[in-house]
Every structure is written in C-alpha cells, then in structure tokens.
C-alpha cells in the first residue's frame, strides 16, 4: 500500500515557477508508475504528466509540454512536478497518483478515481 501527500502549491503570478512534491509511503513506490492530475474550478479532473517507475517514460498534456517537467527520486520516495512559465489557466488543485498495473503511457487515458493510489491535492493559483 502507498499513501501520497502533495505539497508545494500556492499563489503565484503569471510567468512564475513552482515545484510540487508528492511524498509517498510504502515499499512499493519504486515499482509504481506515477502521475499528476489537476482539477480547475468547475471543470473535470485532467491528466497533466506521468512517469515510469524507473524515471523514464514521461508523458505530458499537450498544453504543458515545454513548461512542466515530471521527475522522481526513488531513494526519497518522492515525485516532483516542476512548473515554469505558469499561466492563469494552470490554476487548479493538483493531485498526485500512482498505479502498479498501468504504464505511464496509460495515465493519459486513465480515470483518476480508478488508480491504485491517490493524494488529496495541493492548490495552485496563478494570477494574471
């Protein structure tokens, strides 16, 4: 079993950067594909980025490519989302999730609610 706790969200201005962290407990983290999702006010939750258990196999939502970078440190049981050049449309609650069956490539079409492990989210607000 893996428990996830996100941190690093906050209020920033357009063009600023933030780094989100997702700390995981449990011994199976290093063999778990991980991803980030987000849910903006009044909208459905959507896929943002994913990464394979070894750190390879990274995938991104088209609108964040070139601005966001997902990474992981298996020694620290942590996955990160570096967000640069933030835009007001990036405002959302960001959720971390993991799954021991899906590959990172599958996260883009996966339902967040059906993933094995899910965090409670950290809010990000980008002002214009």
Foldseek 3Di string as FASTA:
>chain_A
DKAKAKDWADEEAAQAKTKMKIAIDDDCLLQKKKFKWWDAPPGDIAGAWIAGSPFDDIDGDPVQPPFWDWGDDVVRRMIMIIGGRDDQVVWTWMKMAIANPDGRVCVRVDDRVPGPYIYPTDTHGYHD
